[in-house]
Amino acid sequence: MKILTGLISSLTLLSLNVVALSQVQAQTPETGFEFQKVPVTLLGNGCPAGTAEGILNGDTLSITFSDFAALASPPKVVSKSCNLRIGLNVPSGVNVQIIKALYNGFADVPKGGSADLNVKIFFQGKEVPTLNNPNRKFGAGFSDTWSKDVDIALGTINACKKPVSSIFGINTNLTVRARDIAKDQETQIRIDTIDATIGPVLFQLKFAFTPC
């Protein structure tokens, strides 16, 4: 009887371990990108060419480059643009979907000034719709940090049978107005670093993976 009871207990414990293992496996992402660097091209008067780098790891593409900001003293209006083009090769055997764009920064707008952030996301040369507003306007008196977590509505990249080469784009425009601010003040807006562990990461793209 003791032997039978011990056997049942052992089988029960084994069953629980198998269930727990199955749950862990079910919660594990199907796959992810291997750590690698990807090509990034910069265009615009706000980001010097040749300063960008893309770091792809797991479900995240981090874009690093030097500070991106716009500043204006009275009575100027200043606009700075930075357009990124990122080459991404999706290996065969997986479905990939871009789901988020992340970026943050700081704005300081004196009385009489204003500032605008405008962002457009592209895939294969076409603008991608977003589920929430990627842009923001900053009125007089705003002086604080800001952040954006933008959900992206883009179909799945099907690389089940063969690799897919793709190009993502992020066009950003910062505009500051100082026409009516005090002479000793300045209107400014900038995009700040999200993650400094691998360099000054100014943008991140997040991906989801599904099995073929």
C-alpha atoms as a PDB file:
ATOM      1  CA  MET A   1       0.000   0.000   0.000  1.00  0.00           C
ATOM      2  CA  LYS A   2       2.802   2.393   0.854  1.00  0.00           C
ATOM      3  CA  ILE A   3       4.528   1.572  -2.431  1.00  0.00           C
ATOM      4  CA  LEU A   4       1.307   2.242  -4.382  1.00  0.00           C
ATOM      5  CA  THR A   5       0.740   5.544  -2.539  1.00  0.00           C
ATOM      6  CA  GLY A   6       4.312   6.635  -3.214  1.00  0.00           C
ATOM      7  CA  LEU A   7       3.962   5.708  -6.887  1.00  0.00           C
ATOM      8  CA  ILE A   8       0.753   7.743  -7.213  1.00  0.00           C
ATOM      9  CA  SER A   9       2.420  10.729  -5.494  1.00  0.00           C
ATOM     10  CA  SER A  10       5.401  10.515  -7.846  1.00  0.00           C
ATOM     11  CA  LEU A  11       3.148  10.348 -10.913  1.00  0.00           C
ATOM     12  CA  THR A  12       1.106  13.305  -9.640  1.00  0.00           C
ATOM     13  CA  LEU A  13       4.266  15.370  -9.086  1.00  0.00           C
ATOM     14  CA  LEU A  14       5.527  14.417 -12.551  1.00  0.00           C
ATOM     15  CA  SER A  15       2.198  15.485 -14.095  1.00  0.00           C
ATOM     16  CA  LEU A  16       2.335  18.843 -12.310  1.00  0.00           C
ATOM     17  CA  ASN A  17       5.897  19.395 -13.517  1.00  0.00           C
ATOM     18  CA  VAL A  18       4.883  18.623 -17.106  1.00  0.00           C
ATOM     19  CA  VAL A  19       1.938  21.057 -16.881  1.00  0.00           C
ATOM     20  CA  ALA A  20       4.180  23.774 -15.399  1.00  0.00           C
ATOM     21  CA  LEU A  21       6.773  23.204 -18.125  1.00  0.00           C
ATOM     22  CA  SER A  22       4.057  23.433 -20.809  1.00  0.00           C
ATOM     23  CA  GLN A  23       2.823  26.716 -19.335  1.00  0.00           C
ATOM     24  CA  VAL A  24       6.349  28.177 -19.341  1.00  0.00           C
ATOM     25  CA  GLN A  25       6.874  27.102 -22.933  1.00  0.00           C
ATOM     26  CA  ALA A  26       3.509  28.572 -23.921  1.00  0.00           C
ATOM     27  CA  GLN A  27       4.494  31.902 -22.385  1.00  0.00           C
ATOM     28  CA  THR A  28       7.846  31.948 -24.182  1.00  0.00           C
ATOM     29  CA  PRO A  29       7.944  33.982 -27.461  1.00  0.00           C
ATOM     30  CA  GLU A  30       8.009  31.793 -30.553  1.00  0.00           C
ATOM     31  CA  THR A  31      11.207  33.399 -31.759  1.00  0.00           C
ATOM     32  CA  GLY A  32      13.128  36.664 -31.892  1.00  0.00           C
ATOM     33  CA  PHE A  33      15.854  38.408 -33.822  1.00  0.00           C
ATOM     34  CA  GLU A  34      19.442  37.525 -33.079  1.00  0.00           C
ATOM     35  CA  PHE A  35      21.616  40.355 -31.778  1.00  0.00           C
ATOM     36  CA  GLN A  36      22.933  42.246 -34.788  1.00  0.00           C
ATOM     37  CA  LYS A  37      23.559  45.691 -36.223  1.00  0.00           C
ATOM     38  CA  VAL A  38      21.374  46.887 -39.079  1.00  0.00           C
ATOM     39  CA  PRO A  39      21.957  49.719 -41.580  1.00  0.00           C
ATOM     40  CA  VAL A  40      20.382  53.110 -40.845  1.00  0.00           C
ATOM     41  CA  THR A  41      20.383  56.108 -43.174  1.00  0.00           C
ATOM     42  CA  LEU A  42      19.766  59.646 -41.884  1.00  0.00           C
ATOM     43  CA  LEU A  43      18.402  62.563 -43.891  1.00  0.00           C
ATOM     44  CA  GLY A  44      17.479  66.028 -42.666  1.00  0.00           C
ATOM     45  CA  ASN A  45      18.911  69.195 -41.148  1.00  0.00           C
ATOM     46  CA  GLY A  46      18.485  67.924 -37.573  1.00  0.00           C
ATOM     47  CA  CYS A  47      20.551  64.760 -37.733  1.00  0.00           C
ATOM     48  CA  PRO A  48      24.084  64.714 -39.183  1.00  0.00           C
ATOM     49  CA  ALA A  49      24.568  61.948 -41.749  1.00  0.00           C
ATOM     50  CA  GLY A  50      26.584  58.940 -40.649  1.00  0.00           C
ATOM     51  CA  THR A  51      25.811  59.198 -36.924  1.00  0.00           C
ATOM     52  CA  ALA A  52      23.063  56.531 -36.720  1.00  0.00           C
ATOM     53  CA  GLU A  53      23.203  52.834 -35.901  1.00  0.00           C
ATOM     54  CA  GLY A  54      20.494  50.193 -35.527  1.00  0.00           C
ATOM     55  CA  ILE A  55      20.758  47.499 -32.850  1.00  0.00           C
ATOM     56  CA  LEU A  56      18.402  44.551 -33.329  1.00  0.00           C
ATOM     57  CA  ASN A  57      17.940  42.172 -30.413  1.00  0.00           C
ATOM     58  CA  GLY A  58      15.002  39.916 -29.578  1.00  0.00           C
ATOM     59  CA  ASP A  59      11.787  41.858 -30.174  1.00  0.00           C
ATOM     60  CA  THR A  60      13.375  45.337 -30.221  1.00  0.00           C
ATOM     61  CA  LEU A  61      15.103  47.505 -32.798  1.00  0.00           C
ATOM     62  CA  SER A  62      16.941  50.397 -31.112  1.00  0.00           C
ATOM     63  CA  ILE A  63      18.098  53.345 -33.222  1.00  0.00           C
ATOM     64  CA  THR A  64      21.016  55.277 -31.783  1.00  0.00           C
ATOM     65  CA  PHE A  65      22.287  58.657 -32.949  1.00  0.00           C
ATOM     66  CA  SER A  66      23.352  62.003 -31.555  1.00  0.00           C
ATOM     67  CA  ASP A  67      20.999  64.491 -29.918  1.00  0.00           C
ATOM     68  CA  PHE A  68      18.028  65.710 -31.965  1.00  0.00           C
ATOM     69  CA  ALA A  69      16.676  69.116 -30.905  1.00  0.00           C
ATOM     70  CA  ALA A  70      15.232  72.423 -32.130  1.00  0.00           C
ATOM     71  CA  LEU A  71      15.840  75.758 -30.349  1.00  0.00           C
ATOM     72  CA  ALA A  72      14.643  79.263 -31.225  1.00  0.00           C
ATOM     73  CA  SER A  73      15.306  82.694 -29.759  1.00  0.00           C
ATOM     74  CA  PRO A  74      13.006  85.652 -30.562  1.00  0.00           C
ATOM     75  CA  PRO A  75      11.670  86.376 -33.090  1.00  0.00           C
ATOM     76  CA  LYS A  76      12.657  83.183 -34.915  1.00  0.00           C
ATOM     77  CA  VAL A  77      10.719  80.099 -35.985  1.00  0.00           C
ATOM     78  CA  VAL A  78      12.991  77.061 -36.310  1.00  0.00           C
ATOM     79  CA  SER A  79      12.188  73.677 -37.824  1.00  0.00           C
ATOM     80  CA  LYS A  80      14.489  70.641 -37.617  1.00  0.00           C
ATOM     81  CA  SER A  81      13.860  67.379 -39.453  1.00  0.00           C
ATOM     82  CA  CYS A  82      15.359  63.922 -39.120  1.00  0.00           C
ATOM     83  CA  ASN A  83      14.275  61.125 -41.451  1.00  0.00           C
ATOM     84  CA  LEU A  84      15.476  57.585 -40.720  1.00  0.00           C
ATOM     85  CA  ARG A  85      15.529  54.651 -43.114  1.00  0.00           C
ATOM     86  CA  ILE A  86      16.239  51.273 -41.522  1.00  0.00           C
ATOM     87  CA  GLY A  87      17.036  48.110 -43.467  1.00  0.00           C
ATOM     88  CA  LEU A  88      15.574  44.962 -41.894  1.00  0.00           C
ATOM     89  CA  ASN A  89      16.057  41.410 -43.159  1.00  0.00           C
ATOM     90  CA  VAL A  90      13.502  38.969 -41.741  1.00  0.00           C
ATOM     91  CA  PRO A  91      14.821  35.371 -41.772  1.00  0.00           C
ATOM     92  CA  SER A  92      12.693  32.570 -43.192  1.00  0.00           C
ATOM     93  CA  GLY A  93      10.418  30.531 -40.955  1.00  0.00           C
ATOM     94  CA  VAL A  94       8.636  33.296 -39.058  1.00  0.00           C
ATOM     95  CA  ASN A  95       5.840  35.870 -39.257  1.00  0.00           C
ATOM     96  CA  VAL A  96       6.843  39.298 -37.918  1.00  0.00           C
ATOM     97  CA  GLN A  97       4.689  42.310 -37.140  1.00  0.00           C
ATOM     98  CA  ILE A  98       5.823  45.743 -35.990  1.00  0.00           C
ATOM     99  CA  ILE A  99       3.531  46.781 -33.130  1.00  0.00           C
ATOM    100  CA  LYS A 100       5.002  49.846 -31.372  1.00  0.00           C
ATOM    101  CA  ALA A 101       7.216  52.873 -31.725  1.00  0.00           C
ATOM    102  CA  LEU A 102       8.709  54.419 -28.583  1.00  0.00           C
ATOM    103  CA  TYR A 103      10.336  57.840 -28.123  1.00  0.00           C
ATOM    104  CA  ASN A 104      10.431  60.587 -25.505  1.00  0.00           C
ATOM    105  CA  GLY A 105      11.904  63.998 -24.839  1.00  0.00           C
ATOM    106  CA  PHE A 106      11.664  67.418 -23.236  1.00  0.00           C
ATOM    107  CA  ALA A 107      10.033  70.718 -24.216  1.00  0.00           C
ATOM    108  CA  ASP A 108      10.349  74.194 -22.717  1.00  0.00           C
ATOM    109  CA  VAL A 109       7.906  76.783 -24.080  1.00  0.00           C
ATOM    110  CA  PRO A 110       7.933  80.301 -22.592  1.00  0.00           C
ATOM    111  CA  LYS A 111       4.895  82.575 -22.629  1.00  0.00           C
ATOM    112  CA  GLY A 112       4.164  83.593 -26.216  1.00  0.00           C
ATOM    113  CA  GLY A 113       5.853  80.542 -27.754  1.00  0.00           C
ATOM    114  CA  SER A 114       4.815  77.116 -29.025  1.00  0.00           C
ATOM    115  CA  ALA A 115       6.373  73.860 -30.171  1.00  0.00           C
ATOM    116  CA  ASP A 116       5.249  70.939 -32.326  1.00  0.00           C
ATOM    117  CA  LEU A 117       6.345  67.309 -32.630  1.00  0.00           C
ATOM    118  CA  ASN A 118       5.363  65.534 -35.859  1.00  0.00           C
ATOM    119  CA  VAL A 119       6.200  61.896 -36.552  1.00  0.00           C
ATOM    120  CA  LYS A 120       5.337  59.647 -39.494  1.00  0.00           C
ATOM    121  CA  ILE A 121       6.201  55.948 -39.718  1.00  0.00           C
ATOM    122  CA  PHE A 122       6.800  54.235 -43.062  1.00  0.00           C
ATOM    123  CA  PHE A 123       7.103  50.676 -44.330  1.00  0.00           C
ATOM    124  CA  GLN A 124       8.333  49.951 -47.852  1.00  0.00           C
ATOM    125  CA  GLY A 125       7.893  53.610 -48.765  1.00  0.00           C
ATOM    126  CA  LYS A 126       4.273  53.930 -47.613  1.00  0.00           C
ATOM    127  CA  GLU A 127       3.057  55.689 -44.471  1.00  0.00           C
ATOM    128  CA  VAL A 128       1.804  53.278 -41.809  1.00  0.00           C
ATOM    129  CA  PRO A 129      -1.391  54.106 -39.856  1.00  0.00           C
ATOM    130  CA  THR A 130      -1.149  54.323 -36.075  1.00  0.00           C
ATOM    131  CA  LEU A 131      -3.773  53.513 -33.463  1.00  0.00           C
ATOM    132  CA  ASN A 132      -2.936  56.563 -31.341  1.00  0.00           C
ATOM    133  CA  ASN A 133      -1.561  59.984 -32.197  1.00  0.00           C
ATOM    134  CA  PRO A 134       2.235  59.982 -32.784  1.00  0.00           C
ATOM    135  CA  ASN A 135       2.326  63.800 -32.714  1.00  0.00           C
ATOM    136  CA  ARG A 136       2.040  66.426 -30.006  1.00  0.00           C
ATOM    137  CA  LYS A 137       1.650  70.184 -29.638  1.00  0.00           C
ATOM    138  CA  PHE A 138       3.168  72.095 -26.712  1.00  0.00           C
ATOM    139  CA  GLY A 139       1.593  75.374 -25.687  1.00  0.00           C
ATOM    140  CA  ALA A 140       2.950  78.365 -23.805  1.00  0.00           C
ATOM    141  CA  GLY A 141       3.999  77.526 -20.250  1.00  0.00           C
ATOM    142  CA  PHE A 142       4.823  73.854 -20.876  1.00  0.00           C
ATOM    143  CA  SER A 143       8.179  72.878 -19.394  1.00  0.00           C
ATOM    144  CA  ASP A 144       8.478  69.154 -18.749  1.00  0.00           C
ATOM    145  CA  THR A 145       9.391  65.759 -20.144  1.00  0.00           C
ATOM    146  CA  TRP A 146       7.054  63.918 -22.502  1.00  0.00           C
ATOM    147  CA  SER A 147       6.857  60.372 -23.864  1.00  0.00           C
ATOM    148  CA  LYS A 148       5.195  58.530 -26.723  1.00  0.00           C
ATOM    149  CA  ASP A 149       4.167  54.856 -26.880  1.00  0.00           C
ATOM    150  CA  VAL A 150       2.582  54.573 -30.316  1.00  0.00           C
ATOM    151  CA  ASP A 151       0.678  51.470 -31.413  1.00  0.00           C
ATOM    152  CA  ILE A 152       1.194  50.660 -35.084  1.00  0.00           C
ATOM    153  CA  ALA A 153      -1.396  49.119 -37.425  1.00  0.00           C
ATOM    154  CA  LEU A 154       0.718  47.178 -39.899  1.00  0.00           C
ATOM    155  CA  GLY A 155       0.055  43.767 -41.409  1.00  0.00           C
ATOM    156  CA  THR A 156       2.288  40.775 -40.811  1.00  0.00           C
ATOM    157  CA  ILE A 157       5.550  40.321 -42.712  1.00  0.00           C
ATOM    158  CA  ASN A 158       5.245  36.742 -43.946  1.00  0.00           C
ATOM    159  CA  ALA A 159       8.673  35.163 -44.141  1.00  0.00           C
ATOM    160  CA  CYS A 160       7.510  31.584 -43.641  1.00  0.00           C
ATOM    161  CA  LYS A 161       8.923  30.246 -46.903  1.00  0.00           C
ATOM    162  CA  LYS A 162      11.729  32.674 -47.698  1.00  0.00           C
ATOM    163  CA  PRO A 163      13.547  35.660 -46.155  1.00  0.00           C
ATOM    164  CA  VAL A 164      12.044  39.116 -46.651  1.00  0.00           C
ATOM    165  CA  SER A 165      14.089  42.294 -47.055  1.00  0.00           C
ATOM    166  CA  SER A 166      12.231  45.393 -45.880  1.00  0.00           C
ATOM    167  CA  ILE A 167      12.793  49.064 -45.132  1.00  0.00           C
ATOM    168  CA  PHE A 168      11.215  50.941 -42.239  1.00  0.00           C
ATOM    169  CA  GLY A 169      11.182  54.709 -42.016  1.00  0.00           C
ATOM    170  CA  ILE A 170      10.625  57.268 -39.273  1.00  0.00           C
ATOM    171  CA  ASN A 171      10.220  60.904 -40.312  1.00  0.00           C
ATOM    172  CA  THR A 172      10.377  63.385 -37.441  1.00  0.00           C
ATOM    173  CA  ASN A 173       9.951  67.144 -37.526  1.00  0.00           C
ATOM    174  CA  LEU A 174      10.473  69.471 -34.551  1.00  0.00           C
ATOM    175  CA  THR A 175       9.183  73.050 -34.849  1.00  0.00           C
ATOM    176  CA  VAL A 176       9.693  75.799 -32.249  1.00  0.00           C
ATOM    177  CA  ARG A 177       8.289  79.332 -32.352  1.00  0.00           C
ATOM    178  CA  ALA A 178       9.720  82.276 -30.452  1.00  0.00           C
ATOM    179  CA  ARG A 179       8.091  85.228 -32.213  1.00  0.00           C
ATOM    180  CA  ASP A 180       6.392  86.647 -29.118  1.00  0.00           C
ATOM    181  CA  ILE A 181       8.560  85.450 -26.212  1.00  0.00           C
ATOM    182  CA  ALA A 182      10.778  87.621 -24.036  1.00  0.00           C
ATOM    183  CA  LYS A 183      14.169  88.573 -25.467  1.00  0.00           C
ATOM    184  CA  ASP A 184      16.162  86.671 -22.856  1.00  0.00           C
ATOM    185  CA  GLN A 185      14.217  83.412 -23.316  1.00  0.00           C
ATOM    186  CA  GLU A 186      14.265  80.508 -25.739  1.00  0.00           C
ATOM    187  CA  THR A 187      11.749  77.936 -27.015  1.00  0.00           C
ATOM    188  CA  GLN A 188      13.077  74.401 -27.282  1.00  0.00           C
ATOM    189  CA  ILE A 189      12.080  70.802 -27.860  1.00  0.00           C
ATOM    190  CA  ARG A 190      14.254  67.706 -28.063  1.00  0.00           C
ATOM    191  CA  ILE A 191      14.128  63.928 -28.263  1.00  0.00           C
ATOM    192  CA  ASP A 192      15.991  62.248 -25.415  1.00  0.00           C
ATOM    193  CA  THR A 193      17.662  58.894 -24.871  1.00  0.00           C
ATOM    194  CA  ILE A 194      15.412  55.946 -24.002  1.00  0.00           C
ATOM    195  CA  ASP A 195      18.188  53.499 -23.139  1.00  0.00           C
ATOM    196  CA  ALA A 196      21.823  54.508 -22.630  1.00  0.00           C
ATOM    197  CA  THR A 197      23.201  50.984 -22.093  1.00  0.00           C
ATOM    198  CA  ILE A 198      23.958  50.553 -25.807  1.00  0.00           C
ATOM    199  CA  GLY A 199      24.336  54.245 -26.647  1.00  0.00           C
ATOM    200  CA  PRO A 200      21.960  57.192 -27.094  1.00  0.00           C
ATOM    201  CA  VAL A 201      18.808  55.323 -28.193  1.00  0.00           C
ATOM    202  CA  LEU A 202      16.355  57.930 -29.517  1.00  0.00           C
ATOM    203  CA  PHE A 203      13.800  55.580 -31.093  1.00  0.00           C
ATOM    204  CA  GLN A 204      12.732  51.987 -30.494  1.00  0.00           C
ATOM    205  CA  LEU A 205      10.554  49.751 -32.631  1.00  0.00           C
ATOM    206  CA  LYS A 206       8.884  46.723 -31.035  1.00  0.00           C
ATOM    207  CA  PHE A 207       7.970  43.533 -32.911  1.00  0.00           C
ATOM    208  CA  ALA A 208       5.643  40.569 -32.335  1.00  0.00           C
ATOM    209  CA  PHE A 209       6.312  37.064 -33.657  1.00  0.00           C
ATOM    210  CA  THR A 210       3.857  34.334 -34.627  1.00  0.00           C
ATOM    211  CA  PRO A 211       4.569  30.807 -35.845  1.00  0.00           C
ATOM    212  CA  CYS A 212       4.148  29.862 -39.495  1.00  0.00           C
END
